[in-house]
Amino acid sequence: MPEEGTVLLLGQNIVFLGQVENLAEPLGYTVKRATNEDRFWSVYEDGETTLILVDLEGDDSTWTKVLEGIQAQGELDVHIVAFGPHEALDTMARARILGCELVLSKGEFSRDLAKIIGELGGR
């Protein structure tokens, strides 16, 4: 199967990593995880990232700075989906303001992950 690109998971919690790998890798995607800004930018700068998944329960400072950095770069050929606790309305609103295409509760994210990867994973 041809290589489709990289799905980059930004967050400190590994709970969703296996789920993302199980759905993305059979479709030809490479899955990488970044727990901090330096790791994120080292993966992202290779130009292969097509989908960024942001765990809003991760370090606030990290995901905020990453999203601000992406936003500062202007129009990009990458999709950004954030997910977090359904009760974290302010956090979810901030993720939308910082350019996330979709912002979902963790339950919605788990339920729709295959669709998200299928529809947004490619360029």
C-alpha atoms as a PDB file:
ATOM      1  CA  MET A   1       0.000   0.000   0.000  1.00  0.00           C
ATOM      2  CA  PRO A   2       1.410   3.440  -0.866  1.00  0.00           C
ATOM      3  CA  GLU A   3       2.419   5.791   1.912  1.00  0.00           C
ATOM      4  CA  GLU A   4      -0.405   8.279   2.498  1.00  0.00           C
ATOM      5  CA  GLY A   5       1.307  10.706   4.867  1.00  0.00           C
ATOM      6  CA  THR A   6       1.660  11.204   8.576  1.00  0.00           C
ATOM      7  CA  VAL A   7      -1.020  11.455  11.216  1.00  0.00           C
ATOM      8  CA  LEU A   8       0.524  13.418  14.078  1.00  0.00           C
ATOM      9  CA  LEU A   9      -1.003  13.073  17.546  1.00  0.00           C
ATOM     10  CA  LEU A  10      -0.132  15.960  19.873  1.00  0.00           C
ATOM     11  CA  GLY A  11      -0.629  15.134  23.536  1.00  0.00           C
ATOM     12  CA  GLN A  12       0.831  13.526  26.608  1.00  0.00           C
ATOM     13  CA  ASN A  13      -1.842  10.840  27.087  1.00  0.00           C
ATOM     14  CA  ILE A  14      -1.163   7.626  25.167  1.00  0.00           C
ATOM     15  CA  VAL A  15      -4.726   6.299  25.515  1.00  0.00           C
ATOM     16  CA  PHE A  16      -5.698   7.331  21.974  1.00  0.00           C
ATOM     17  CA  LEU A  17      -2.394   6.397  20.312  1.00  0.00           C
ATOM     18  CA  GLY A  18      -3.265   2.723  19.842  1.00  0.00           C
ATOM     19  CA  GLN A  19      -6.700   3.575  18.516  1.00  0.00           C
ATOM     20  CA  VAL A  20      -5.211   6.003  15.973  1.00  0.00           C
ATOM     21  CA  GLU A  21      -2.529   3.501  14.936  1.00  0.00           C
ATOM     22  CA  ASN A  22      -5.058   0.680  14.510  1.00  0.00           C
ATOM     23  CA  LEU A  23      -7.182   2.772  12.156  1.00  0.00           C
ATOM     24  CA  ALA A  24      -4.547   4.806  10.293  1.00  0.00           C
ATOM     25  CA  GLU A  25      -1.703   2.371   9.651  1.00  0.00           C
ATOM     26  CA  PRO A  26      -3.753  -0.160   7.621  1.00  0.00           C
ATOM     27  CA  LEU A  27      -4.711   2.760   5.343  1.00  0.00           C
ATOM     28  CA  GLY A  28      -1.045   3.518   4.687  1.00  0.00           C
ATOM     29  CA  TYR A  29      -0.500   6.366   7.138  1.00  0.00           C
ATOM     30  CA  THR A  30       2.459   6.688   9.457  1.00  0.00           C
ATOM     31  CA  VAL A  31       1.384   7.627  12.983  1.00  0.00           C
ATOM     32  CA  LYS A  32       3.683   9.724  15.144  1.00  0.00           C
ATOM     33  CA  ARG A  33       3.191  11.219  18.576  1.00  0.00           C
ATOM     34  CA  ALA A  34       4.539  14.451  19.977  1.00  0.00           C
ATOM     35  CA  THR A  35       4.443  15.254  23.664  1.00  0.00           C
ATOM     36  CA  ASN A  36       6.130  18.637  23.445  1.00  0.00           C
ATOM     37  CA  GLU A  37       6.719  21.509  21.020  1.00  0.00           C
ATOM     38  CA  ASP A  38      10.207  20.455  19.928  1.00  0.00           C
ATOM     39  CA  ARG A  39       9.066  16.953  19.001  1.00  0.00           C
ATOM     40  CA  PHE A  40       5.991  18.326  17.222  1.00  0.00           C
ATOM     41  CA  TRP A  41       7.991  20.695  15.025  1.00  0.00           C
ATOM     42  CA  SER A  42      10.658  18.091  14.240  1.00  0.00           C
ATOM     43  CA  VAL A  43       7.955  15.725  12.933  1.00  0.00           C
ATOM     44  CA  TYR A  44       5.839  18.427  11.296  1.00  0.00           C
ATOM     45  CA  GLU A  45       8.722  20.037   9.417  1.00  0.00           C
ATOM     46  CA  ASP A  46       9.296  16.907   7.319  1.00  0.00           C
ATOM     47  CA  GLY A  47       6.316  18.018   5.220  1.00  0.00           C
ATOM     48  CA  GLU A  48       4.579  14.628   5.367  1.00  0.00           C
ATOM     49  CA  THR A  49       1.946  15.494   7.992  1.00  0.00           C
ATOM     50  CA  THR A  50      -1.556  15.512   6.545  1.00  0.00           C
ATOM     51  CA  LEU A  51      -3.597  15.287   9.763  1.00  0.00           C
ATOM     52  CA  ILE A  52      -2.894  16.679  13.222  1.00  0.00           C
ATOM     53  CA  LEU A  53      -4.883  15.340  16.168  1.00  0.00           C
ATOM     54  CA  VAL A  54      -4.703  17.551  19.266  1.00  0.00           C
ATOM     55  CA  ASP A  55      -5.539  16.141  22.691  1.00  0.00           C
ATOM     56  CA  LEU A  56      -6.904  19.139  24.600  1.00  0.00           C
ATOM     57  CA  GLU A  57      -6.271  17.368  27.897  1.00  0.00           C
ATOM     58  CA  GLY A  58      -2.569  17.662  27.162  1.00  0.00           C
ATOM     59  CA  ASP A  59      -0.391  20.503  28.334  1.00  0.00           C
ATOM     60  CA  ASP A  60      -2.311  23.735  27.626  1.00  0.00           C
ATOM     61  CA  SER A  61       0.817  25.699  26.900  1.00  0.00           C
ATOM     62  CA  THR A  62       2.126  23.119  24.429  1.00  0.00           C
ATOM     63  CA  TRP A  63      -0.951  22.734  22.246  1.00  0.00           C
ATOM     64  CA  THR A  64      -1.721  26.464  22.379  1.00  0.00           C
ATOM     65  CA  LYS A  65       1.786  27.412  21.212  1.00  0.00           C
ATOM     66  CA  VAL A  66       1.740  24.747  18.493  1.00  0.00           C
ATOM     67  CA  LEU A  67      -1.638  25.909  17.156  1.00  0.00           C
ATOM     68  CA  GLU A  68      -0.520  29.542  17.264  1.00  0.00           C
ATOM     69  CA  GLY A  69       2.620  28.584  15.334  1.00  0.00           C
ATOM     70  CA  ILE A  70       0.637  26.739  12.694  1.00  0.00           C
ATOM     71  CA  GLN A  71      -1.812  29.618  12.416  1.00  0.00           C
ATOM     72  CA  ALA A  72       1.071  32.067  11.959  1.00  0.00           C
ATOM     73  CA  GLN A  73       2.249  30.071   8.933  1.00  0.00           C
ATOM     74  CA  GLY A  74      -0.975  30.908   7.098  1.00  0.00           C
ATOM     75  CA  GLU A  75      -2.720  28.626   4.594  1.00  0.00           C
ATOM     76  CA  LEU A  76      -1.518  25.075   5.065  1.00  0.00           C
ATOM     77  CA  ASP A  77      -2.178  21.731   3.445  1.00  0.00           C
ATOM     78  CA  VAL A  78      -2.991  20.000   6.719  1.00  0.00           C
ATOM     79  CA  HIS A  79      -6.158  19.250   8.671  1.00  0.00           C
ATOM     80  CA  ILE A  80      -6.334  19.831  12.430  1.00  0.00           C
ATOM     81  CA  VAL A  81      -8.798  18.027  14.689  1.00  0.00           C
ATOM     82  CA  ALA A  82      -8.906  18.638  18.442  1.00  0.00           C
ATOM     83  CA  PHE A  83     -10.645  16.539  21.071  1.00  0.00           C
ATOM     84  CA  GLY A  84     -11.210  16.828  24.790  1.00  0.00           C
ATOM     85  CA  PRO A  85     -13.666  16.446  27.640  1.00  0.00           C
ATOM     86  CA  HIS A  86     -17.206  17.398  26.669  1.00  0.00           C
ATOM     87  CA  GLU A  87     -17.476  19.753  29.637  1.00  0.00           C
ATOM     88  CA  ALA A  88     -14.367  21.771  28.668  1.00  0.00           C
ATOM     89  CA  LEU A  89     -16.331  24.307  26.626  1.00  0.00           C
ATOM     90  CA  ASP A  90     -13.848  27.181  27.038  1.00  0.00           C
ATOM     91  CA  THR A  91     -10.933  24.966  26.034  1.00  0.00           C
ATOM     92  CA  MET A  92     -12.817  23.688  23.000  1.00  0.00           C
ATOM     93  CA  ALA A  93     -13.749  27.242  21.984  1.00  0.00           C
ATOM     94  CA  ARG A  94     -10.099  28.300  22.226  1.00  0.00           C
ATOM     95  CA  ALA A  95      -9.079  25.391  19.975  1.00  0.00           C
ATOM     96  CA  ARG A  96     -11.608  26.579  17.356  1.00  0.00           C
ATOM     97  CA  ILE A  97     -10.252  30.121  17.561  1.00  0.00           C
ATOM     98  CA  LEU A  98      -6.719  28.756  17.081  1.00  0.00           C
ATOM     99  CA  GLY A  99      -7.691  27.134  13.791  1.00  0.00           C
ATOM    100  CA  CYS A 100      -8.890  23.611  14.515  1.00  0.00           C
ATOM    101  CA  GLU A 101     -11.125  22.412  11.709  1.00  0.00           C
ATOM    102  CA  LEU A 102     -13.061  20.087  14.017  1.00  0.00           C
ATOM    103  CA  VAL A 103     -13.294  20.196  17.803  1.00  0.00           C
ATOM    104  CA  LEU A 104     -14.926  17.132  19.316  1.00  0.00           C
ATOM    105  CA  SER A 105     -15.613  15.573  22.672  1.00  0.00           C
ATOM    106  CA  LYS A 106     -13.524  12.477  23.418  1.00  0.00           C
ATOM    107  CA  GLY A 107     -16.587  10.301  22.822  1.00  0.00           C
ATOM    108  CA  GLU A 108     -17.272  11.887  19.433  1.00  0.00           C
ATOM    109  CA  PHE A 109     -13.619  11.570  18.537  1.00  0.00           C
ATOM    110  CA  SER A 110     -13.513   7.860  19.366  1.00  0.00           C
ATOM    111  CA  ARG A 111     -16.777   7.224  17.543  1.00  0.00           C
ATOM    112  CA  ASP A 112     -15.797   9.186  14.410  1.00  0.00           C
ATOM    113  CA  LEU A 113     -12.049   8.513  14.248  1.00  0.00           C
ATOM    114  CA  ALA A 114     -12.218   6.114  11.290  1.00  0.00           C
ATOM    115  CA  LYS A 115     -14.277   8.657   9.339  1.00  0.00           C
ATOM    116  CA  ILE A 116     -11.925  11.498  10.322  1.00  0.00           C
ATOM    117  CA  ILE A 117      -8.874   9.586   9.129  1.00  0.00           C
ATOM    118  CA  GLY A 118     -10.624   8.480   5.950  1.00  0.00           C
ATOM    119  CA  GLU A 119     -11.900  11.935   5.037  1.00  0.00           C
ATOM    120  CA  LEU A 120      -9.229  14.254   6.422  1.00  0.00           C
ATOM    121  CA  GLY A 121      -6.090  12.136   6.450  1.00  0.00           C
ATOM    122  CA  GLY A 122      -5.181  12.755   2.824  1.00  0.00           C
ATOM    123  CA  ARG A 123      -4.299  15.999   1.164  1.00  0.00           C
END
